[in-house]
N, C-alpha and C. Protein backbone atom coordinates (compact mmCIF):
# COMPACT_ATOMS: atom_id res chain seq x y z
N UNK A 1 85.67 -99.30 195.46
CA UNK A 1 85.41 -97.90 195.11
C UNK A 1 85.32 -97.71 193.60
N UNK A 2 86.20 -98.42 192.85
CA UNK A 2 86.19 -98.30 191.38
C UNK A 2 84.88 -98.82 190.82
N UNK A 3 84.42 -99.98 191.36
CA UNK A 3 83.16 -100.57 190.88
C UNK A 3 82.00 -99.64 191.18
N UNK A 4 81.99 -99.04 192.40
CA UNK A 4 80.91 -98.14 192.77
C UNK A 4 80.88 -96.91 191.86
N UNK A 5 82.06 -96.36 191.55
CA UNK A 5 82.11 -95.18 190.68
C UNK A 5 81.64 -95.52 189.27
N UNK A 6 81.97 -96.72 188.79
CA UNK A 6 81.52 -97.13 187.46
C UNK A 6 80.02 -97.34 187.44
N UNK A 7 79.48 -97.93 188.52
CA UNK A 7 78.03 -98.10 188.59
C UNK A 7 77.33 -96.75 188.63
N UNK A 8 77.92 -95.79 189.36
CA UNK A 8 77.34 -94.46 189.44
C UNK A 8 77.34 -93.78 188.09
N UNK A 9 78.47 -93.85 187.37
CA UNK A 9 78.54 -93.23 186.04
C UNK A 9 77.57 -93.90 185.08
N UNK A 10 77.39 -95.23 185.20
CA UNK A 10 76.45 -95.95 184.34
C UNK A 10 75.02 -95.49 184.62
N UNK A 11 74.67 -95.33 185.90
CA UNK A 11 73.33 -94.86 186.26
C UNK A 11 73.09 -93.45 185.75
N UNK A 12 74.11 -92.59 185.87
CA UNK A 12 73.98 -91.22 185.39
C UNK A 12 73.79 -91.19 183.88
N UNK A 13 74.47 -92.09 183.17
CA UNK A 13 74.34 -92.14 181.72
C UNK A 13 72.95 -92.62 181.32
N UNK A 14 72.38 -93.56 182.10
CA UNK A 14 71.07 -94.11 181.79
C UNK A 14 69.93 -93.21 182.25
N UNK A 15 70.17 -92.34 183.25
CA UNK A 15 69.10 -91.54 183.84
C UNK A 15 68.64 -90.44 182.88
N UNK A 16 67.37 -90.05 183.04
CA UNK A 16 66.81 -88.94 182.26
C UNK A 16 67.20 -87.62 182.91
N UNK A 17 67.51 -86.63 182.08
CA UNK A 17 67.89 -85.31 182.58
C UNK A 17 66.67 -84.40 182.56
N UNK A 18 66.41 -83.78 183.71
CA UNK A 18 65.26 -82.89 183.86
C UNK A 18 65.75 -81.54 184.35
N UNK A 19 65.47 -80.47 183.60
CA UNK A 19 65.78 -79.11 184.04
C UNK A 19 64.50 -78.47 184.53
N UNK A 20 64.59 -77.84 185.71
CA UNK A 20 63.39 -77.32 186.37
C UNK A 20 63.57 -75.84 186.68
N UNK A 21 62.65 -75.03 186.18
CA UNK A 21 62.62 -73.61 186.51
C UNK A 21 61.62 -73.37 187.63
N UNK A 22 62.13 -73.27 188.86
CA UNK A 22 61.26 -73.12 190.04
C UNK A 22 62.02 -72.38 191.12
N UNK A 23 61.42 -71.31 191.66
CA UNK A 23 62.10 -70.51 192.67
C UNK A 23 61.70 -70.87 194.10
N UNK A 24 60.59 -71.57 194.27
CA UNK A 24 60.10 -71.89 195.61
C UNK A 24 60.90 -73.05 196.22
N UNK A 25 61.53 -72.87 197.39
CA UNK A 25 62.26 -73.97 198.05
C UNK A 25 61.34 -75.13 198.42
N UNK A 26 60.09 -74.83 198.77
CA UNK A 26 59.15 -75.88 199.15
C UNK A 26 58.84 -76.79 197.96
N UNK A 27 58.56 -76.17 196.81
CA UNK A 27 58.26 -76.95 195.61
C UNK A 27 59.50 -77.71 195.15
N UNK A 28 60.67 -77.11 195.28
CA UNK A 28 61.91 -77.79 194.90
C UNK A 28 62.11 -79.05 195.73
N UNK A 29 61.91 -78.94 197.04
CA UNK A 29 62.06 -80.12 197.91
C UNK A 29 61.06 -81.20 197.55
N UNK A 30 59.84 -80.78 197.21
CA UNK A 30 58.82 -81.76 196.82
C UNK A 30 59.21 -82.47 195.52
N UNK A 31 59.74 -81.72 194.56
CA UNK A 31 60.16 -82.31 193.29
C UNK A 31 61.33 -83.27 193.49
N UNK A 32 62.27 -82.90 194.35
CA UNK A 32 63.41 -83.77 194.62
C UNK A 32 62.97 -85.10 195.22
N UNK A 33 61.95 -85.06 196.06
CA UNK A 33 61.46 -86.29 196.67
C UNK A 33 60.55 -87.08 195.73
N UNK A 34 60.06 -86.43 194.68
CA UNK A 34 59.15 -87.09 193.74
C UNK A 34 59.89 -87.96 192.73
N UNK A 35 61.02 -87.45 192.21
CA UNK A 35 61.73 -88.16 191.15
C UNK A 35 62.81 -89.07 191.74
N UNK A 36 62.78 -90.38 191.43
CA UNK A 36 63.82 -91.30 191.91
C UNK A 36 65.19 -90.89 191.39
N UNK A 37 66.17 -90.78 192.27
CA UNK A 37 67.49 -90.29 191.88
C UNK A 37 68.21 -91.25 190.93
N UNK A 38 67.89 -92.53 191.00
CA UNK A 38 68.56 -93.48 190.10
C UNK A 38 68.00 -93.43 188.69
N UNK A 39 66.87 -92.75 188.49
CA UNK A 39 66.25 -92.68 187.17
C UNK A 39 66.25 -91.28 186.57
N UNK A 40 66.38 -90.26 187.43
CA UNK A 40 66.30 -88.87 186.95
C UNK A 40 67.42 -88.04 187.57
N UNK A 41 68.01 -87.18 186.75
CA UNK A 41 68.98 -86.19 187.22
C UNK A 41 68.32 -84.82 187.12
N UNK A 42 68.14 -84.16 188.26
CA UNK A 42 67.44 -82.88 188.30
C UNK A 42 68.42 -81.72 188.39
N UNK A 43 68.12 -80.65 187.63
CA UNK A 43 68.86 -79.40 187.71
C UNK A 43 67.86 -78.27 187.92
N UNK A 44 68.07 -77.48 188.97
CA UNK A 44 67.12 -76.43 189.33
C UNK A 44 67.66 -75.05 188.95
N UNK A 45 66.74 -74.19 188.51
CA UNK A 45 67.08 -72.81 188.14
C UNK A 45 65.98 -71.90 188.67
N UNK A 46 66.40 -70.81 189.34
CA UNK A 46 65.43 -69.86 189.87
C UNK A 46 65.18 -68.69 188.96
N UNK A 47 65.84 -68.70 187.79
CA UNK A 47 65.72 -67.60 186.83
C UNK A 47 65.51 -68.18 185.44
N UNK A 48 64.55 -67.63 184.70
CA UNK A 48 64.23 -68.15 183.38
C UNK A 48 65.35 -67.98 182.37
N UNK A 49 66.11 -66.91 182.48
CA UNK A 49 67.21 -66.67 181.55
C UNK A 49 68.32 -67.69 181.76
N UNK A 50 68.60 -68.01 183.03
CA UNK A 50 69.61 -69.04 183.32
C UNK A 50 69.16 -70.40 182.81
N UNK A 51 67.88 -70.68 182.97
CA UNK A 51 67.33 -71.94 182.47
C UNK A 51 67.48 -72.03 180.95
N UNK A 52 67.18 -70.95 180.26
CA UNK A 52 67.30 -70.92 178.80
C UNK A 52 68.74 -71.18 178.36
N UNK A 53 69.69 -70.54 179.02
CA UNK A 53 71.11 -70.73 178.68
C UNK A 53 71.55 -72.17 178.91
N UNK A 54 71.06 -72.78 179.98
CA UNK A 54 71.41 -74.18 180.26
C UNK A 54 70.83 -75.11 179.20
N UNK A 55 69.62 -74.83 178.75
CA UNK A 55 69.00 -75.65 177.70
C UNK A 55 69.78 -75.51 176.40
N UNK A 56 70.20 -74.30 176.08
CA UNK A 56 70.98 -74.07 174.85
C UNK A 56 72.30 -74.83 174.90
N UNK A 57 72.93 -74.86 176.08
CA UNK A 57 74.23 -75.51 176.21
C UNK A 57 74.12 -77.03 176.12
N UNK A 58 73.08 -77.59 176.73
CA UNK A 58 72.92 -79.05 176.74
C UNK A 58 71.45 -79.40 176.94
N UNK A 59 70.69 -79.57 175.85
CA UNK A 59 69.25 -79.83 175.96
C UNK A 59 68.96 -81.10 176.77
N UNK A 60 68.06 -81.02 177.75
CA UNK A 60 67.71 -82.19 178.56
C UNK A 60 66.61 -83.01 177.89
N UNK A 61 66.14 -84.03 178.59
CA UNK A 61 65.03 -84.83 178.08
C UNK A 61 63.70 -84.09 178.24
N UNK A 62 63.56 -83.35 179.34
CA UNK A 62 62.32 -82.63 179.59
C UNK A 62 62.61 -81.41 180.47
N UNK A 63 61.79 -80.37 180.29
CA UNK A 63 61.91 -79.14 181.08
C UNK A 63 60.60 -78.90 181.81
N UNK A 64 60.69 -78.64 183.11
CA UNK A 64 59.54 -78.22 183.91
C UNK A 64 59.76 -76.77 184.28
N UNK A 65 58.81 -75.90 183.93
CA UNK A 65 59.01 -74.47 184.15
C UNK A 65 57.77 -73.84 184.77
N UNK A 66 57.99 -73.08 185.82
CA UNK A 66 56.89 -72.35 186.46
C UNK A 66 56.45 -71.20 185.56
N UNK A 67 55.15 -70.96 185.47
CA UNK A 67 54.63 -69.90 184.60
C UNK A 67 55.19 -68.54 184.99
N UNK A 68 55.23 -68.25 186.29
CA UNK A 68 55.65 -66.92 186.75
C UNK A 68 57.12 -66.89 187.16
N UNK A 69 57.98 -67.52 186.39
CA UNK A 69 59.40 -67.55 186.71
C UNK A 69 60.03 -66.20 186.36
N UNK A 70 60.84 -65.61 187.26
CA UNK A 70 61.48 -64.32 186.94
C UNK A 70 62.55 -64.47 185.86
N UNK A 71 62.88 -63.36 185.22
CA UNK A 71 63.89 -63.37 184.16
C UNK A 71 63.29 -63.70 182.81
N UNK A 72 62.59 -64.82 182.74
CA UNK A 72 61.87 -65.24 181.54
C UNK A 72 60.82 -66.24 181.99
N UNK A 73 59.54 -65.90 181.83
CA UNK A 73 58.50 -66.77 182.37
C UNK A 73 58.25 -67.98 181.46
N UNK A 74 57.34 -68.83 181.90
CA UNK A 74 57.07 -70.06 181.17
C UNK A 74 56.55 -69.84 179.76
N UNK A 75 55.72 -68.82 179.57
CA UNK A 75 55.18 -68.54 178.24
C UNK A 75 56.28 -68.08 177.28
N UNK A 76 57.17 -67.24 177.78
CA UNK A 76 58.28 -66.78 176.94
C UNK A 76 59.21 -67.93 176.57
N UNK A 77 59.43 -68.83 177.53
CA UNK A 77 60.25 -70.00 177.24
C UNK A 77 59.58 -70.89 176.19
N UNK A 78 58.26 -71.03 176.29
CA UNK A 78 57.52 -71.84 175.32
C UNK A 78 57.58 -71.22 173.93
N UNK A 79 57.52 -69.89 173.85
CA UNK A 79 57.65 -69.21 172.55
C UNK A 79 59.01 -69.49 171.94
N UNK A 80 60.04 -69.44 172.78
CA UNK A 80 61.41 -69.72 172.30
C UNK A 80 61.53 -71.18 171.85
N UNK A 81 60.91 -72.09 172.58
CA UNK A 81 60.90 -73.51 172.20
C UNK A 81 60.33 -73.68 170.79
N UNK A 82 59.23 -72.96 170.54
CA UNK A 82 58.56 -73.07 169.24
C UNK A 82 59.41 -72.49 168.13
N UNK A 83 60.04 -71.34 168.39
CA UNK A 83 60.88 -70.69 167.38
C UNK A 83 62.08 -71.55 167.01
N UNK A 84 62.68 -72.19 168.01
CA UNK A 84 63.89 -72.99 167.79
C UNK A 84 63.59 -74.45 167.48
N UNK A 85 62.31 -74.82 167.48
CA UNK A 85 61.90 -76.20 167.21
C UNK A 85 62.57 -77.19 168.18
N UNK A 86 62.63 -76.82 169.44
CA UNK A 86 63.26 -77.68 170.45
C UNK A 86 62.35 -78.81 170.91
N UNK A 87 61.05 -78.66 170.66
CA UNK A 87 60.10 -79.65 171.14
C UNK A 87 60.23 -81.01 170.50
N UNK A 88 60.97 -81.11 169.39
CA UNK A 88 61.13 -82.41 168.74
C UNK A 88 61.97 -83.37 169.57
N UNK A 89 62.85 -82.83 170.42
CA UNK A 89 63.72 -83.68 171.23
C UNK A 89 63.54 -83.47 172.73
N UNK A 90 63.10 -82.29 173.12
CA UNK A 90 62.96 -81.96 174.54
C UNK A 90 61.51 -81.62 174.86
N UNK A 91 60.96 -82.29 175.88
CA UNK A 91 59.60 -82.01 176.30
C UNK A 91 59.54 -80.76 177.17
N UNK A 92 58.40 -80.07 177.13
CA UNK A 92 58.21 -78.86 177.94
C UNK A 92 56.90 -78.95 178.70
N UNK A 93 56.99 -78.84 180.02
CA UNK A 93 55.82 -78.88 180.90
C UNK A 93 55.79 -77.59 181.71
N UNK A 94 54.67 -76.88 181.64
CA UNK A 94 54.51 -75.66 182.43
C UNK A 94 53.79 -75.98 183.73
N UNK A 95 54.27 -75.38 184.82
CA UNK A 95 53.69 -75.58 186.14
C UNK A 95 52.97 -74.31 186.57
N UNK A 96 51.72 -74.47 187.02
CA UNK A 96 50.92 -73.34 187.46
C UNK A 96 50.64 -73.45 188.96
N UNK A 97 50.94 -72.39 189.68
CA UNK A 97 50.65 -72.36 191.10
C UNK A 97 49.18 -72.09 191.36
N UNK A 98 48.72 -72.24 192.62
CA UNK A 98 47.30 -72.06 192.94
C UNK A 98 46.79 -70.64 192.73
N UNK A 99 47.67 -69.65 192.73
CA UNK A 99 47.24 -68.25 192.57
C UNK A 99 47.68 -67.66 191.23
N UNK A 100 48.10 -68.50 190.31
CA UNK A 100 48.53 -68.03 189.00
C UNK A 100 47.43 -68.27 187.97
N UNK A 101 47.28 -67.35 187.05
CA UNK A 101 46.27 -67.49 186.01
C UNK A 101 46.85 -68.20 184.79
N UNK A 102 46.02 -69.00 184.16
CA UNK A 102 46.43 -69.74 182.96
C UNK A 102 45.88 -69.05 181.72
N UNK A 103 46.75 -68.76 180.78
CA UNK A 103 46.33 -68.26 179.47
C UNK A 103 46.25 -69.46 178.54
N UNK A 104 45.11 -70.16 178.59
CA UNK A 104 44.98 -71.44 177.90
C UNK A 104 45.15 -71.31 176.39
N UNK A 105 44.58 -70.28 175.80
CA UNK A 105 44.70 -70.10 174.35
C UNK A 105 46.15 -69.88 173.95
N UNK A 106 46.85 -69.09 174.74
CA UNK A 106 48.26 -68.82 174.46
C UNK A 106 49.09 -70.08 174.63
N UNK A 107 48.81 -70.82 175.69
CA UNK A 107 49.56 -72.06 175.94
C UNK A 107 49.30 -73.09 174.85
N UNK A 108 48.05 -73.13 174.36
CA UNK A 108 47.70 -74.11 173.32
C UNK A 108 48.41 -73.84 172.01
N UNK A 109 48.72 -72.57 171.75
CA UNK A 109 49.38 -72.21 170.49
C UNK A 109 50.90 -72.36 170.56
N UNK A 110 51.42 -72.67 171.74
CA UNK A 110 52.86 -72.78 171.91
C UNK A 110 53.29 -74.24 172.02
N UNK A 111 54.62 -74.45 172.07
CA UNK A 111 55.16 -75.81 172.11
C UNK A 111 55.17 -76.32 173.55
N UNK A 112 53.97 -76.59 174.09
CA UNK A 112 53.84 -77.07 175.47
C UNK A 112 53.21 -78.46 175.44
N UNK A 113 53.88 -79.42 176.10
CA UNK A 113 53.34 -80.78 176.15
C UNK A 113 52.24 -80.91 177.19
N UNK A 114 52.48 -80.32 178.36
CA UNK A 114 51.51 -80.41 179.46
C UNK A 114 51.45 -79.07 180.18
N UNK A 115 50.27 -78.76 180.70
CA UNK A 115 50.08 -77.59 181.56
C UNK A 115 49.50 -78.12 182.86
N UNK A 116 50.33 -78.18 183.90
CA UNK A 116 49.97 -78.85 185.15
C UNK A 116 49.69 -77.83 186.24
N UNK A 117 48.59 -78.03 186.94
CA UNK A 117 48.22 -77.15 188.04
C UNK A 117 48.64 -77.77 189.36
N UNK A 118 49.39 -77.02 190.15
CA UNK A 118 49.83 -77.47 191.46
C UNK A 118 48.83 -77.01 192.53
N UNK A 119 48.67 -77.78 193.63
CA UNK A 119 49.41 -79.00 193.98
C UNK A 119 48.90 -80.22 193.21
N UNK A 120 49.75 -81.24 193.15
CA UNK A 120 49.46 -82.44 192.38
C UNK A 120 50.09 -83.63 193.11
N UNK A 121 49.46 -84.79 192.99
CA UNK A 121 50.03 -85.99 193.60
C UNK A 121 51.36 -86.32 192.94
N UNK A 122 52.32 -86.75 193.74
CA UNK A 122 53.67 -87.02 193.24
C UNK A 122 53.66 -88.06 192.13
N UNK A 123 52.92 -89.15 192.32
CA UNK A 123 52.90 -90.21 191.32
C UNK A 123 52.26 -89.74 190.03
N UNK A 124 51.25 -88.89 190.14
CA UNK A 124 50.60 -88.36 188.95
C UNK A 124 51.57 -87.50 188.13
N UNK A 125 52.34 -86.66 188.83
CA UNK A 125 53.34 -85.84 188.13
C UNK A 125 54.39 -86.72 187.48
N UNK A 126 54.85 -87.73 188.21
CA UNK A 126 55.86 -88.63 187.68
C UNK A 126 55.36 -89.34 186.43
N UNK A 127 54.11 -89.77 186.44
CA UNK A 127 53.52 -90.45 185.28
C UNK A 127 53.44 -89.51 184.07
N UNK A 128 53.06 -88.25 184.32
CA UNK A 128 52.94 -87.28 183.23
C UNK A 128 54.31 -86.98 182.61
N UNK A 129 55.32 -86.83 183.45
CA UNK A 129 56.68 -86.57 182.95
C UNK A 129 57.19 -87.76 182.15
N UNK A 130 56.95 -88.96 182.66
CA UNK A 130 57.40 -90.17 181.95
C UNK A 130 56.69 -90.31 180.61
N UNK A 131 55.43 -89.91 180.57
CA UNK A 131 54.66 -89.96 179.32
C UNK A 131 55.26 -89.02 178.27
N UNK A 132 55.66 -87.83 178.70
CA UNK A 132 56.28 -86.87 177.79
C UNK A 132 57.62 -87.39 177.28
N UNK A 133 58.40 -87.98 178.17
CA UNK A 133 59.71 -88.51 177.78
C UNK A 133 59.54 -89.68 176.81
N UNK A 134 58.61 -90.58 177.12
CA UNK A 134 58.41 -91.76 176.27
C UNK A 134 57.94 -91.37 174.87
N UNK A 135 57.20 -90.27 174.77
CA UNK A 135 56.70 -89.85 173.45
C UNK A 135 57.83 -89.47 172.51
N UNK A 136 59.02 -89.18 173.07
CA UNK A 136 60.16 -88.81 172.23
C UNK A 136 61.19 -89.92 172.11
N UNK A 137 61.18 -90.87 173.03
CA UNK A 137 62.19 -91.93 173.02
C UNK A 137 61.68 -93.24 172.44
N UNK A 138 60.39 -93.50 172.54
CA UNK A 138 59.85 -94.76 172.03
C UNK A 138 59.39 -94.59 170.59
N UNK A 139 59.65 -95.57 169.72
CA UNK A 139 59.18 -95.48 168.33
C UNK A 139 57.67 -95.59 168.25
N UNK A 140 57.08 -94.91 167.26
CA UNK A 140 55.63 -94.96 167.09
C UNK A 140 55.17 -96.34 166.66
N UNK A 141 55.93 -96.99 165.79
CA UNK A 141 55.57 -98.31 165.31
C UNK A 141 56.71 -99.27 165.56
N UNK A 142 56.38 -100.46 166.02
CA UNK A 142 57.40 -101.48 166.22
C UNK A 142 57.84 -102.02 164.86
N UNK A 143 59.12 -102.37 164.72
CA UNK A 143 59.58 -102.90 163.43
C UNK A 143 58.93 -104.23 163.12
N UNK A 144 58.62 -104.43 161.84
CA UNK A 144 58.00 -105.68 161.43
C UNK A 144 59.02 -106.81 161.47
N UNK A 145 58.52 -108.01 161.76
CA UNK A 145 59.40 -109.17 161.78
C UNK A 145 59.87 -109.46 160.36
N UNK A 146 61.16 -109.80 160.22
CA UNK A 146 61.65 -110.09 158.87
C UNK A 146 61.00 -111.34 158.29
N UNK A 147 60.79 -111.31 156.99
CA UNK A 147 60.18 -112.46 156.32
C UNK A 147 61.11 -113.66 156.38
N UNK A 148 60.52 -114.81 156.68
CA UNK A 148 61.32 -116.02 156.78
C UNK A 148 61.90 -116.38 155.41
N UNK A 149 63.18 -116.65 155.41
CA UNK A 149 63.86 -116.99 154.16
C UNK A 149 63.80 -118.49 153.95
N UNK A 150 63.10 -118.90 152.90
CA UNK A 150 63.00 -120.32 152.58
C UNK A 150 64.14 -120.73 151.66
N UNK A 151 64.43 -122.01 151.68
CA UNK A 151 65.57 -122.51 150.91
C UNK A 151 65.40 -122.25 149.42
N UNK A 152 64.14 -122.34 148.95
CA UNK A 152 63.93 -122.14 147.51
C UNK A 152 64.08 -120.68 147.11
N UNK A 153 64.09 -119.76 148.13
CA UNK A 153 64.25 -118.35 147.83
C UNK A 153 65.71 -117.97 147.63
N UNK A 154 66.63 -118.83 148.09
CA UNK A 154 68.05 -118.54 147.95
C UNK A 154 68.49 -118.83 146.53
N UNK A 155 69.00 -117.86 145.81
CA UNK A 155 69.38 -118.08 144.41
C UNK A 155 70.59 -119.00 144.31
N UNK A 156 70.54 -119.89 143.34
CA UNK A 156 71.67 -120.79 143.08
C UNK A 156 72.51 -120.21 141.96
N UNK A 157 73.82 -120.32 142.12
CA UNK A 157 74.74 -119.77 141.14
C UNK A 157 75.47 -120.91 140.46
N UNK A 158 75.35 -120.98 139.16
CA UNK A 158 76.04 -121.99 138.38
C UNK A 158 77.42 -121.47 138.00
N UNK A 159 78.46 -122.20 138.42
CA UNK A 159 79.82 -121.79 138.11
C UNK A 159 80.27 -122.43 136.81
N UNK A 160 80.86 -121.62 135.95
CA UNK A 160 81.38 -122.15 134.70
C UNK A 160 82.67 -122.93 134.94
N UNK A 161 83.08 -123.72 133.96
CA UNK A 161 84.27 -124.56 134.09
C UNK A 161 85.52 -123.71 134.29
N UNK A 162 85.57 -122.55 133.63
CA UNK A 162 86.74 -121.68 133.77
C UNK A 162 86.87 -121.15 135.20
N UNK A 163 85.71 -120.78 135.78
CA UNK A 163 85.71 -120.28 137.17
C UNK A 163 86.13 -121.39 138.13
N UNK A 164 85.66 -122.60 137.88
CA UNK A 164 86.02 -123.73 138.74
C UNK A 164 87.52 -123.98 138.71
N UNK A 165 88.12 -123.88 137.54
CA UNK A 165 89.57 -124.09 137.42
C UNK A 165 90.35 -123.02 138.19
N UNK A 166 89.86 -121.78 138.11
CA UNK A 166 90.53 -120.70 138.84
C UNK A 166 90.45 -120.95 140.34
N UNK A 167 89.27 -121.38 140.82
CA UNK A 167 89.10 -121.66 142.24
C UNK A 167 90.00 -122.82 142.69
N UNK A 168 90.09 -123.87 141.86
CA UNK A 168 90.97 -125.00 142.20
C UNK A 168 92.42 -124.54 142.31
N UNK A 169 92.84 -123.70 141.36
CA UNK A 169 94.22 -123.20 141.38
C UNK A 169 94.48 -122.37 142.63
N UNK A 170 93.50 -121.55 143.01
CA UNK A 170 93.65 -120.73 144.22
C UNK A 170 93.77 -121.60 145.46
N UNK A 171 92.95 -122.65 145.53
CA UNK A 171 92.98 -123.55 146.69
C UNK A 171 94.31 -124.28 146.77
N UNK A 172 94.81 -124.76 145.63
CA UNK A 172 96.09 -125.46 145.61
C UNK A 172 97.23 -124.54 146.05
N UNK A 173 97.17 -123.29 145.59
CA UNK A 173 98.20 -122.32 145.97
C UNK A 173 98.18 -122.06 147.48
N UNK A 174 96.98 -121.98 148.02
CA UNK A 174 96.85 -121.77 149.47
C UNK A 174 97.39 -122.97 150.24
N UNK A 175 97.12 -124.17 149.74
CA UNK A 175 97.62 -125.38 150.41
C UNK A 175 99.14 -125.43 150.38
N UNK A 176 99.75 -125.07 149.23
CA UNK A 176 101.21 -125.07 149.13
C UNK A 176 101.83 -124.06 150.09
N UNK A 177 101.21 -122.87 150.16
CA UNK A 177 101.73 -121.83 151.05
C UNK A 177 101.63 -122.28 152.50
N UNK A 178 100.53 -122.96 152.83
CA UNK A 178 100.36 -123.46 154.19
C UNK A 178 101.40 -124.52 154.51
N UNK A 179 101.66 -125.41 153.55
CA UNK A 179 102.67 -126.45 153.76
C UNK A 179 104.06 -125.84 153.96
N UNK A 180 104.36 -124.79 153.18
CA UNK A 180 105.66 -124.12 153.33
C UNK A 180 105.82 -123.54 154.73
N UNK A 181 104.76 -122.86 155.18
CA UNK A 181 104.84 -122.22 156.49
C UNK A 181 104.95 -123.25 157.61
N UNK A 182 104.16 -124.33 157.49
CA UNK A 182 104.24 -125.38 158.49
C UNK A 182 105.59 -126.08 158.44
N UNK A 183 106.08 -126.29 157.19
CA UNK A 183 107.38 -126.96 157.05
C UNK A 183 108.50 -126.14 157.65
N UNK A 184 108.51 -124.84 157.38
CA UNK A 184 109.56 -123.98 157.93
C UNK A 184 109.47 -123.92 159.45
N UNK A 185 108.26 -123.93 159.97
CA UNK A 185 108.10 -123.90 161.42
C UNK A 185 108.61 -125.19 162.04
N UNK A 186 108.30 -126.32 161.37
CA UNK A 186 108.78 -127.60 161.88
C UNK A 186 110.30 -127.68 161.84
N UNK A 187 110.90 -127.13 160.78
CA UNK A 187 112.36 -127.13 160.67
C UNK A 187 113.00 -126.33 161.80
N UNK A 188 112.39 -125.18 162.11
CA UNK A 188 112.92 -124.35 163.19
C UNK A 188 112.82 -125.08 164.52
N UNK A 189 111.66 -125.71 164.76
CA UNK A 189 111.47 -126.44 166.01
C UNK A 189 112.46 -127.61 166.10
N UNK A 190 112.68 -128.30 164.97
CA UNK A 190 113.62 -129.42 164.96
C UNK A 190 115.04 -128.95 165.24
N UNK A 191 115.43 -127.81 164.65
CA UNK A 191 116.77 -127.27 164.87
C UNK A 191 116.96 -126.91 166.34
N UNK A 192 115.96 -126.30 166.95
CA UNK A 192 116.05 -125.96 168.37
C UNK A 192 116.19 -127.20 169.23
N UNK A 193 115.44 -128.24 168.87
CA UNK A 193 115.50 -129.48 169.65
C UNK A 193 116.88 -130.12 169.55
N UNK A 194 117.46 -130.12 168.33
CA UNK A 194 118.79 -130.69 168.14
C UNK A 194 119.83 -129.90 168.92
N UNK A 195 119.72 -128.57 168.91
CA UNK A 195 120.66 -127.74 169.65
C UNK A 195 120.60 -128.02 171.14
N UNK A 196 119.37 -128.17 171.64
CA UNK A 196 119.23 -128.46 173.07
C UNK A 196 119.82 -129.82 173.41
N UNK A 197 119.65 -130.81 172.52
CA UNK A 197 120.20 -132.14 172.77
C UNK A 197 121.72 -132.12 172.74
N UNK A 198 122.29 -131.37 171.78
CA UNK A 198 123.74 -131.27 171.67
C UNK A 198 124.34 -130.59 172.90
N UNK A 199 123.67 -129.53 173.36
CA UNK A 199 124.19 -128.82 174.54
C UNK A 199 124.15 -129.71 175.77
N UNK A 200 123.13 -130.53 175.90
CA UNK A 200 123.06 -131.46 177.03
C UNK A 200 124.17 -132.50 176.95
N UNK A 201 124.45 -132.98 175.70
CA UNK A 201 125.49 -134.00 175.52
C UNK A 201 126.86 -133.43 175.89
N UNK A 202 127.12 -132.18 175.50
CA UNK A 202 128.40 -131.55 175.81
C UNK A 202 128.56 -131.37 177.32
N UNK A 203 127.48 -130.99 177.98
CA UNK A 203 127.55 -130.77 179.42
C UNK A 203 127.81 -132.07 180.17
N UNK A 204 127.31 -133.17 179.62
CA UNK A 204 127.53 -134.46 180.27
C UNK A 204 128.98 -134.90 180.08
């Protein structure tokens, strides 16, 4: 049980956090079946204001929000994202239903990564979400390989005679201290051995 709980906590720590503003139970069930539970942790909100408060408390990796969400719709949430500069760390994807109108110019001027029209294939949605997450987690450029250090590049330091004498004195002092410690330890061990021998002789 302990191992299982540790594995679970490790998976939760490694998984991406996704907050979803969606009121439709059908769409919620579809989203739950789309995202692998071992890779994504989903939190659902049926109200835009509740979603905003949750983002403020603990920003996730990405937010999926329905355009016509009550309380605060997707466009209002996108405006808030832009004002607070949240898009640098958290991705924002707006979801449009089949009977909802898209204000493309408005969406283009806001902090929106993707504007997705439903219905959509599950794998296609998963790929789009992963693309948004990777754009914030992966570096733009890979680090360059360090230059090989050649032997001739290593600077040589010439020690003066005075420095050499100081180093010799330090080494000798360390050797004497080591001998003292070893000697005292040997004396203690010898005394213990003699005591044990004497006690055995007395008992005999």
